[in-house]
N, C-alpha and C. Protein backbone atom coordinates (compact mmCIF):
# COMPACT_ATOMS: atom_id res chain seq x y z
N MET A 1 107.87 70.56 93.89
CA MET A 1 106.69 69.74 93.82
C MET A 1 107.05 68.37 94.36
N SER A 2 106.14 67.77 95.12
CA SER A 2 106.45 66.47 95.70
C SER A 2 106.56 65.41 94.62
N LYS A 3 107.25 64.31 94.96
CA LYS A 3 107.48 63.24 93.99
C LYS A 3 106.17 62.63 93.51
N GLU A 4 105.17 62.52 94.42
CA GLU A 4 103.92 61.91 94.00
C GLU A 4 103.18 62.78 92.98
N HIS A 5 103.33 64.09 93.07
CA HIS A 5 102.71 64.98 92.09
C HIS A 5 103.37 64.84 90.73
N LYS A 6 104.68 64.59 90.70
CA LYS A 6 105.40 64.45 89.43
C LYS A 6 104.98 63.18 88.70
N LYS A 7 104.59 62.15 89.44
CA LYS A 7 104.25 60.87 88.83
C LYS A 7 102.84 60.86 88.25
N ASP A 8 101.91 61.55 88.86
CA ASP A 8 100.50 61.45 88.48
C ASP A 8 99.98 62.81 88.01
N PRO A 9 99.76 62.98 86.70
CA PRO A 9 99.28 64.26 86.17
C PRO A 9 97.96 64.73 86.79
N SER A 10 97.08 63.79 87.16
CA SER A 10 95.81 64.21 87.76
C SER A 10 96.04 64.84 89.13
N LYS A 11 97.07 64.39 89.84
CA LYS A 11 97.40 64.99 91.14
C LYS A 11 97.99 66.39 90.94
N VAL A 12 98.72 66.57 89.85
CA VAL A 12 99.26 67.90 89.54
C VAL A 12 98.11 68.87 89.34
N PHE A 13 97.13 68.48 88.53
CA PHE A 13 95.99 69.36 88.28
C PHE A 13 95.23 69.63 89.57
N ARG A 14 94.99 68.59 90.37
CA ARG A 14 94.27 68.77 91.64
C ARG A 14 95.04 69.71 92.57
N ALA A 15 96.36 69.61 92.58
CA ALA A 15 97.17 70.46 93.46
C ALA A 15 97.05 71.93 93.07
N TYR A 16 96.95 72.19 91.77
CA TYR A 16 96.93 73.57 91.29
C TYR A 16 95.53 74.09 90.98
N ARG A 17 94.50 73.29 91.13
CA ARG A 17 93.14 73.73 90.85
C ARG A 17 92.74 74.98 91.63
N PRO A 18 93.06 75.08 92.92
CA PRO A 18 92.70 76.32 93.63
C PRO A 18 93.37 77.56 93.04
N LEU A 19 94.64 77.44 92.69
CA LEU A 19 95.36 78.56 92.09
C LEU A 19 94.75 78.93 90.74
N ILE A 20 94.50 77.93 89.93
CA ILE A 20 93.89 78.18 88.62
C ILE A 20 92.53 78.85 88.78
N SER A 21 91.75 78.39 89.74
CA SER A 21 90.43 78.97 89.98
C SER A 21 90.53 80.45 90.34
N LEU A 22 91.45 80.79 91.23
CA LEU A 22 91.60 82.19 91.64
C LEU A 22 92.08 83.06 90.49
N ILE A 23 92.98 82.55 89.68
CA ILE A 23 93.46 83.31 88.52
C ILE A 23 92.32 83.53 87.53
N VAL A 24 91.55 82.49 87.26
CA VAL A 24 90.43 82.62 86.31
C VAL A 24 89.38 83.60 86.83
N ILE A 25 89.07 83.56 88.12
CA ILE A 25 88.10 84.49 88.69
C ILE A 25 88.61 85.92 88.59
N ALA A 26 89.87 86.15 88.91
CA ALA A 26 90.43 87.51 88.79
C ALA A 26 90.41 87.96 87.34
N TRP A 27 90.73 87.05 86.41
CA TRP A 27 90.73 87.34 84.97
C TRP A 27 89.32 87.75 84.52
N LEU A 28 88.33 86.95 84.90
CA LEU A 28 86.95 87.22 84.49
C LEU A 28 86.41 88.51 85.11
N ALA A 29 86.70 88.72 86.40
CA ALA A 29 86.23 89.94 87.06
C ALA A 29 86.85 91.18 86.41
N ALA A 30 88.15 91.13 86.14
CA ALA A 30 88.83 92.25 85.48
C ALA A 30 88.25 92.48 84.09
N SER A 31 88.01 91.41 83.36
CA SER A 31 87.45 91.53 82.02
C SER A 31 86.05 92.13 82.05
N ALA A 32 85.24 91.72 83.01
CA ALA A 32 83.88 92.26 83.13
C ALA A 32 83.92 93.76 83.42
N LEU A 33 84.79 94.16 84.32
CA LEU A 33 84.90 95.58 84.65
C LEU A 33 85.41 96.40 83.47
N VAL A 34 86.43 95.94 82.81
CA VAL A 34 86.99 96.67 81.68
C VAL A 34 85.97 96.76 80.56
N HIS A 35 85.23 95.69 80.34
CA HIS A 35 84.19 95.72 79.31
C HIS A 35 83.13 96.77 79.68
N GLY A 36 82.73 96.80 80.94
CA GLY A 36 81.70 97.72 81.40
C GLY A 36 82.09 99.18 81.29
N ILE A 37 83.37 99.47 81.49
CA ILE A 37 83.83 100.86 81.43
C ILE A 37 84.51 101.18 80.11
N GLN A 38 84.56 100.19 79.22
CA GLN A 38 85.24 100.33 77.94
C GLN A 38 86.69 100.77 78.14
N GLY A 39 87.34 100.07 79.07
CA GLY A 39 88.72 100.40 79.42
C GLY A 39 89.73 99.75 78.48
N ASN A 40 90.99 100.05 78.72
CA ASN A 40 92.08 99.52 77.92
C ASN A 40 92.80 98.40 78.68
N TRP A 41 93.89 97.91 78.10
CA TRP A 41 94.60 96.80 78.71
C TRP A 41 95.30 97.19 80.00
N VAL A 42 95.67 98.44 80.17
CA VAL A 42 96.28 98.88 81.44
C VAL A 42 95.23 98.84 82.54
N ALA A 43 94.02 99.27 82.24
CA ALA A 43 92.93 99.19 83.22
C ALA A 43 92.66 97.72 83.57
N TRP A 44 92.67 96.85 82.54
CA TRP A 44 92.46 95.43 82.81
C TRP A 44 93.54 94.90 83.76
N MET A 45 94.79 95.27 83.52
CA MET A 45 95.88 94.81 84.38
C MET A 45 95.67 95.31 85.82
N HIS A 46 95.24 96.55 85.96
CA HIS A 46 94.96 97.09 87.30
C HIS A 46 93.91 96.25 88.01
N TYR A 47 92.81 95.98 87.33
CA TYR A 47 91.74 95.22 87.95
C TYR A 47 92.17 93.79 88.23
N PHE A 48 92.86 93.16 87.29
CA PHE A 48 93.32 91.79 87.50
C PHE A 48 94.24 91.73 88.72
N MET A 49 95.23 92.61 88.76
CA MET A 49 96.16 92.61 89.89
C MET A 49 95.42 92.91 91.19
N GLY A 50 94.48 93.82 91.14
CA GLY A 50 93.71 94.16 92.34
C GLY A 50 92.93 92.97 92.88
N PHE A 51 92.18 92.31 92.01
CA PHE A 51 91.41 91.14 92.45
C PHE A 51 92.33 90.02 92.91
N PHE A 52 93.37 89.76 92.15
CA PHE A 52 94.30 88.69 92.46
C PHE A 52 94.94 88.91 93.83
N LEU A 53 95.48 90.10 94.05
CA LEU A 53 96.15 90.38 95.32
C LEU A 53 95.20 90.38 96.50
N CYS A 54 93.99 90.91 96.32
CA CYS A 54 93.02 90.90 97.42
C CYS A 54 92.59 89.48 97.78
N GLN A 55 92.38 88.63 96.77
CA GLN A 55 92.03 87.24 97.05
C GLN A 55 93.14 86.53 97.82
N PHE A 56 94.36 86.73 97.37
CA PHE A 56 95.48 86.04 98.02
C PHE A 56 95.72 86.59 99.42
N ALA A 57 95.56 87.89 99.61
CA ALA A 57 95.70 88.47 100.95
C ALA A 57 94.65 87.87 101.89
N MET A 58 93.43 87.74 101.41
CA MET A 58 92.35 87.18 102.23
C MET A 58 92.71 85.78 102.70
N LEU A 59 93.23 84.95 101.80
CA LEU A 59 93.59 83.58 102.18
C LEU A 59 94.70 83.55 103.23
N LYS A 60 95.62 84.49 103.15
CA LYS A 60 96.71 84.55 104.13
C LYS A 60 96.22 85.05 105.49
N ILE A 61 95.29 85.98 105.46
CA ILE A 61 94.78 86.59 106.70
C ILE A 61 93.94 85.60 107.50
N PHE A 62 93.36 84.59 106.86
CA PHE A 62 92.55 83.60 107.58
C PHE A 62 93.35 82.92 108.69
N GLN A 63 94.62 82.59 108.42
CA GLN A 63 95.45 81.90 109.40
C GLN A 63 96.85 82.52 109.39
N PRO A 64 97.00 83.67 110.05
CA PRO A 64 98.27 84.40 109.97
C PRO A 64 99.48 83.64 110.51
N VAL A 65 99.31 82.87 111.56
CA VAL A 65 100.45 82.13 112.11
C VAL A 65 100.91 81.06 111.13
N GLY A 66 99.97 80.32 110.57
CA GLY A 66 100.32 79.29 109.59
C GLY A 66 100.98 79.88 108.37
N PHE A 67 100.46 81.03 107.90
CA PHE A 67 101.09 81.69 106.76
C PHE A 67 102.51 82.11 107.11
N ALA A 68 102.70 82.78 108.24
CA ALA A 68 104.03 83.26 108.64
C ALA A 68 105.01 82.09 108.76
N ASP A 69 104.55 80.96 109.31
CA ASP A 69 105.41 79.78 109.43
C ASP A 69 105.88 79.30 108.05
N GLY A 70 104.94 79.15 107.12
CA GLY A 70 105.28 78.67 105.79
C GLY A 70 106.12 79.66 105.00
N PHE A 71 105.77 80.93 105.09
CA PHE A 71 106.45 81.99 104.35
C PHE A 71 107.90 82.12 104.80
N GLN A 72 108.10 81.94 106.10
CA GLN A 72 109.44 82.07 106.68
C GLN A 72 110.39 80.98 106.17
N MET A 73 109.85 79.91 105.62
CA MET A 73 110.69 78.82 105.13
C MET A 73 111.44 79.18 103.86
N TYR A 74 110.90 80.16 103.07
CA TYR A 74 111.56 80.46 101.80
C TYR A 74 111.67 81.94 101.45
N ASP A 75 110.94 82.81 102.10
CA ASP A 75 111.03 84.23 101.75
C ASP A 75 112.27 84.85 102.40
N LEU A 76 113.02 85.63 101.62
CA LEU A 76 114.28 86.20 102.09
C LEU A 76 114.10 87.14 103.28
N ILE A 77 113.07 87.95 103.27
CA ILE A 77 112.85 88.90 104.36
C ILE A 77 112.24 88.19 105.57
N ALA A 78 111.24 87.35 105.34
CA ALA A 78 110.57 86.66 106.45
C ALA A 78 111.52 85.74 107.20
N LYS A 79 112.55 85.20 106.52
CA LYS A 79 113.55 84.37 107.20
C LYS A 79 114.27 85.16 108.29
N ARG A 80 114.52 86.43 108.01
CA ARG A 80 115.28 87.27 108.94
C ARG A 80 114.38 88.02 109.93
N PHE A 81 113.18 88.38 109.47
CA PHE A 81 112.26 89.17 110.29
C PHE A 81 110.88 88.53 110.26
N ARG A 82 110.58 87.71 111.25
CA ARG A 82 109.31 86.98 111.27
C ARG A 82 108.11 87.91 111.18
N LEU A 83 108.22 89.10 111.75
CA LEU A 83 107.12 90.06 111.71
C LEU A 83 106.66 90.34 110.28
N TYR A 84 107.59 90.28 109.33
CA TYR A 84 107.26 90.51 107.92
C TYR A 84 106.22 89.49 107.43
N GLY A 85 106.29 88.28 107.94
CA GLY A 85 105.31 87.26 107.58
C GLY A 85 103.91 87.60 108.04
N TYR A 86 103.80 88.36 109.12
CA TYR A 86 102.48 88.79 109.61
C TYR A 86 102.01 90.06 108.89
N VAL A 87 102.94 90.89 108.49
CA VAL A 87 102.61 92.16 107.83
C VAL A 87 102.35 91.95 106.33
N TYR A 88 103.02 90.99 105.73
CA TYR A 88 102.95 90.78 104.28
C TYR A 88 101.52 90.69 103.73
N PRO A 89 100.61 89.92 104.36
CA PRO A 89 99.25 89.86 103.80
C PRO A 89 98.58 91.24 103.73
N PHE A 90 98.90 92.10 104.67
CA PHE A 90 98.29 93.43 104.67
C PHE A 90 98.95 94.34 103.62
N ILE A 91 100.23 94.13 103.38
CA ILE A 91 100.90 94.83 102.27
C ILE A 91 100.24 94.41 100.96
N GLU A 92 100.02 93.11 100.82
CA GLU A 92 99.38 92.58 99.62
C GLU A 92 97.96 93.13 99.46
N LEU A 93 97.22 93.21 100.56
CA LEU A 93 95.86 93.75 100.52
C LEU A 93 95.87 95.22 100.12
N ILE A 94 96.77 95.99 100.71
CA ILE A 94 96.88 97.42 100.37
C ILE A 94 97.25 97.59 98.90
N LEU A 95 98.17 96.77 98.41
CA LEU A 95 98.52 96.83 96.99
C LEU A 95 97.31 96.50 96.12
N GLY A 96 96.58 95.45 96.48
CA GLY A 96 95.38 95.07 95.73
C GLY A 96 94.37 96.20 95.68
N LEU A 97 94.14 96.84 96.80
CA LEU A 97 93.19 97.96 96.85
C LEU A 97 93.72 99.16 96.07
N ALA A 98 95.03 99.37 96.11
CA ALA A 98 95.63 100.47 95.33
C ALA A 98 95.44 100.23 93.84
N TYR A 99 95.61 98.98 93.40
CA TYR A 99 95.37 98.67 91.99
C TYR A 99 93.90 98.91 91.63
N LEU A 100 93.00 98.46 92.46
CA LEU A 100 91.57 98.61 92.16
C LEU A 100 91.13 100.07 92.14
N SER A 101 91.75 100.89 92.96
CA SER A 101 91.35 102.31 93.05
C SER A 101 92.22 103.24 92.23
N PHE A 102 93.30 102.71 91.64
CA PHE A 102 94.24 103.50 90.83
C PHE A 102 94.92 104.60 91.67
N ILE A 103 95.06 104.36 92.97
CA ILE A 103 95.72 105.32 93.87
C ILE A 103 97.23 105.09 93.82
N LEU A 104 98.00 106.17 93.75
CA LEU A 104 99.46 106.12 93.76
C LEU A 104 100.01 105.04 92.83
N PRO A 105 99.69 105.12 91.55
CA PRO A 105 100.07 104.02 90.65
C PRO A 105 101.58 103.77 90.56
N ILE A 106 102.38 104.81 90.48
CA ILE A 106 103.83 104.60 90.35
C ILE A 106 104.38 103.89 91.59
N PHE A 107 103.99 104.36 92.76
CA PHE A 107 104.42 103.72 94.01
C PHE A 107 103.95 102.26 94.04
N THR A 108 102.71 102.02 93.63
CA THR A 108 102.14 100.67 93.61
C THR A 108 102.94 99.75 92.70
N TYR A 109 103.26 100.23 91.51
CA TYR A 109 104.03 99.41 90.56
C TYR A 109 105.41 99.09 91.11
N VAL A 110 106.10 100.11 91.61
CA VAL A 110 107.48 99.91 92.10
C VAL A 110 107.49 98.96 93.29
N LEU A 111 106.56 99.13 94.22
CA LEU A 111 106.50 98.24 95.38
C LEU A 111 106.19 96.81 94.94
N THR A 112 105.30 96.65 94.00
CA THR A 112 104.98 95.31 93.48
C THR A 112 106.21 94.68 92.85
N ILE A 113 106.92 95.44 92.06
CA ILE A 113 108.14 94.91 91.41
C ILE A 113 109.15 94.47 92.46
N LEU A 114 109.37 95.29 93.48
CA LEU A 114 110.33 94.94 94.53
C LEU A 114 109.90 93.67 95.28
N ILE A 115 108.65 93.62 95.67
CA ILE A 115 108.16 92.47 96.44
C ILE A 115 108.22 91.19 95.62
N THR A 116 107.82 91.28 94.35
CA THR A 116 107.84 90.06 93.53
C THR A 116 109.27 89.64 93.18
N LEU A 117 110.17 90.59 93.05
CA LEU A 117 111.57 90.26 92.79
C LEU A 117 112.17 89.54 93.99
N ILE A 118 111.95 90.09 95.17
CA ILE A 118 112.46 89.45 96.40
C ILE A 118 111.83 88.08 96.57
N GLY A 119 110.52 87.99 96.33
CA GLY A 119 109.83 86.70 96.45
C GLY A 119 110.37 85.68 95.46
N SER A 120 110.63 86.12 94.23
CA SER A 120 111.15 85.22 93.20
C SER A 120 112.51 84.66 93.58
N VAL A 121 113.37 85.50 94.12
CA VAL A 121 114.71 85.03 94.53
C VAL A 121 114.57 83.98 95.63
N GLY A 122 113.69 84.21 96.59
CA GLY A 122 113.48 83.23 97.66
C GLY A 122 112.96 81.90 97.13
N VAL A 123 112.02 81.97 96.19
CA VAL A 123 111.47 80.74 95.61
C VAL A 123 112.55 80.01 94.81
N ILE A 124 113.33 80.74 94.04
CA ILE A 124 114.42 80.12 93.26
C ILE A 124 115.39 79.39 94.20
N GLN A 125 115.77 80.05 95.28
CA GLN A 125 116.70 79.41 96.23
C GLN A 125 116.11 78.14 96.82
N ALA A 126 114.82 78.18 97.19
CA ALA A 126 114.17 77.00 97.78
C ALA A 126 114.08 75.87 96.75
N LEU A 127 113.77 76.21 95.52
CA LEU A 127 113.67 75.19 94.47
C LEU A 127 115.04 74.58 94.16
N LYS A 128 116.08 75.43 94.14
CA LYS A 128 117.44 74.92 93.88
C LYS A 128 117.89 73.94 94.97
N LYS A 129 117.46 74.21 96.21
CA LYS A 129 117.81 73.32 97.32
C LYS A 129 116.97 72.05 97.32
N GLY A 130 115.95 72.00 96.45
CA GLY A 130 115.09 70.83 96.39
C GLY A 130 114.12 70.74 97.55
N MET A 131 113.82 71.85 98.17
CA MET A 131 112.91 71.85 99.32
C MET A 131 111.50 71.49 98.87
N ASP A 132 110.87 70.58 99.57
CA ASP A 132 109.51 70.14 99.26
C ASP A 132 108.58 70.86 100.24
N LEU A 133 108.14 72.07 99.86
CA LEU A 133 107.35 72.92 100.74
C LEU A 133 105.99 73.22 100.14
N ARG A 134 105.08 73.59 101.03
CA ARG A 134 103.81 74.15 100.57
C ARG A 134 104.05 75.61 100.23
N CYS A 135 103.39 76.06 99.19
CA CYS A 135 103.48 77.47 98.85
C CYS A 135 102.61 78.26 99.82
N ALA A 136 103.20 79.21 100.49
CA ALA A 136 102.45 80.04 101.42
C ALA A 136 101.59 81.07 100.69
N CYS A 137 101.73 81.13 99.37
CA CYS A 137 101.03 82.15 98.58
C CYS A 137 99.53 82.11 98.77
N MET A 138 98.98 80.95 99.10
CA MET A 138 97.55 80.83 99.30
C MET A 138 97.22 80.56 100.77
N GLY A 139 98.11 80.98 101.64
CA GLY A 139 97.91 80.77 103.06
C GLY A 139 97.92 79.28 103.38
N THR A 140 97.32 78.93 104.49
CA THR A 140 97.25 77.52 104.86
C THR A 140 95.87 76.95 104.54
N VAL A 141 95.01 77.77 103.97
CA VAL A 141 93.66 77.33 103.64
C VAL A 141 93.68 76.33 102.49
N LEU A 142 94.53 76.57 101.50
CA LEU A 142 94.62 75.71 100.32
C LEU A 142 96.04 75.14 100.23
N ASP A 143 96.13 73.89 99.85
CA ASP A 143 97.42 73.20 99.80
C ASP A 143 97.95 73.18 98.37
N VAL A 144 98.91 74.06 98.10
CA VAL A 144 99.54 74.13 96.79
C VAL A 144 101.04 74.01 97.01
N PRO A 145 101.72 73.14 96.25
CA PRO A 145 103.16 72.98 96.44
C PRO A 145 103.95 74.18 95.92
N LEU A 146 105.07 74.46 96.57
CA LEU A 146 106.00 75.47 96.09
C LEU A 146 106.69 74.89 94.86
N SER A 147 106.62 75.59 93.75
CA SER A 147 107.15 75.04 92.51
C SER A 147 107.44 76.16 91.52
N THR A 148 107.76 75.74 90.30
CA THR A 148 107.99 76.72 89.24
C THR A 148 106.71 77.49 88.93
N VAL A 149 105.55 76.94 89.27
CA VAL A 149 104.28 77.67 89.10
C VAL A 149 104.28 78.89 90.03
N THR A 150 104.75 78.71 91.25
CA THR A 150 104.86 79.81 92.20
C THR A 150 105.80 80.88 91.65
N LEU A 151 106.91 80.43 91.13
CA LEU A 151 107.89 81.35 90.55
C LEU A 151 107.29 82.09 89.36
N THR A 152 106.59 81.38 88.51
CA THR A 152 105.95 81.99 87.34
C THR A 152 104.94 83.05 87.77
N GLU A 153 104.18 82.74 88.79
CA GLU A 153 103.19 83.69 89.33
C GLU A 153 103.89 84.96 89.80
N ASP A 154 104.95 84.82 90.59
CA ASP A 154 105.69 85.99 91.07
C ASP A 154 106.24 86.82 89.91
N ILE A 155 106.87 86.14 88.97
CA ILE A 155 107.47 86.84 87.82
C ILE A 155 106.39 87.52 86.99
N ALA A 156 105.27 86.85 86.75
CA ALA A 156 104.19 87.43 85.95
C ALA A 156 103.64 88.70 86.61
N MET A 157 103.48 88.68 87.91
CA MET A 157 102.98 89.88 88.62
C MET A 157 103.99 91.02 88.51
N GLY A 158 105.27 90.70 88.66
CA GLY A 158 106.30 91.73 88.53
C GLY A 158 106.37 92.30 87.12
N VAL A 159 106.24 91.44 86.12
CA VAL A 159 106.27 91.89 84.72
C VAL A 159 105.05 92.77 84.42
N MET A 160 103.89 92.37 84.93
CA MET A 160 102.69 93.20 84.71
C MET A 160 102.88 94.57 85.35
N ALA A 161 103.43 94.61 86.55
CA ALA A 161 103.68 95.89 87.21
C ALA A 161 104.69 96.72 86.41
N LEU A 162 105.70 96.08 85.87
CA LEU A 162 106.69 96.77 85.05
C LEU A 162 106.04 97.35 83.79
N PHE A 163 105.19 96.57 83.13
CA PHE A 163 104.49 97.08 81.95
C PHE A 163 103.62 98.28 82.30
N MET A 164 102.92 98.20 83.42
CA MET A 164 102.09 99.33 83.81
C MET A 164 102.95 100.56 84.12
N LEU A 165 104.09 100.33 84.75
CA LEU A 165 105.01 101.43 85.05
C LEU A 165 105.47 102.10 83.76
N ILE A 166 105.78 101.32 82.76
CA ILE A 166 106.28 101.85 81.49
C ILE A 166 105.17 102.50 80.68
N PHE A 167 104.01 101.87 80.59
CA PHE A 167 102.98 102.32 79.64
C PHE A 167 101.87 103.17 80.24
N ASN A 168 101.79 103.30 81.55
CA ASN A 168 100.72 104.07 82.17
C ASN A 168 101.20 105.48 82.51
N ARG A 169 101.50 106.23 81.51
CA ARG A 169 102.01 107.60 81.72
C ARG A 169 101.03 108.61 81.23
């Protein structure tokens, strides 16, 4: 997070407002669907992950070159293979649609865990180096700093996928 964000709490909130908005919308949409179908918490997790991943994929797809440029700064795979930065939004979209449709759940969970684990390691390395970067997680459409919030988001998605892998049998 940039130094100016650390000094002014209102700037911190403004920086993360887009992320908070997307999380709340995914939360509410998942809750509405689960309520309508009288589903359980695993169904809620599927819908939440589906909406969340589809929203984030959409933001990345708006400006693929800008996303690939930013992603390449900290993602372990994108650093070595730039093409991954262009393909990643579509992987995220496919995962989101897989969650929403409950297609290939085990594959979906395992792939999510792998991607979020790799992403988390890249974010940790960038944070340890003190890099002041924009988080590519929301594409170039919204300006959110790369921070522990980004790391928390990656870890939370991986943990949710792990829970679904364990409990959705």
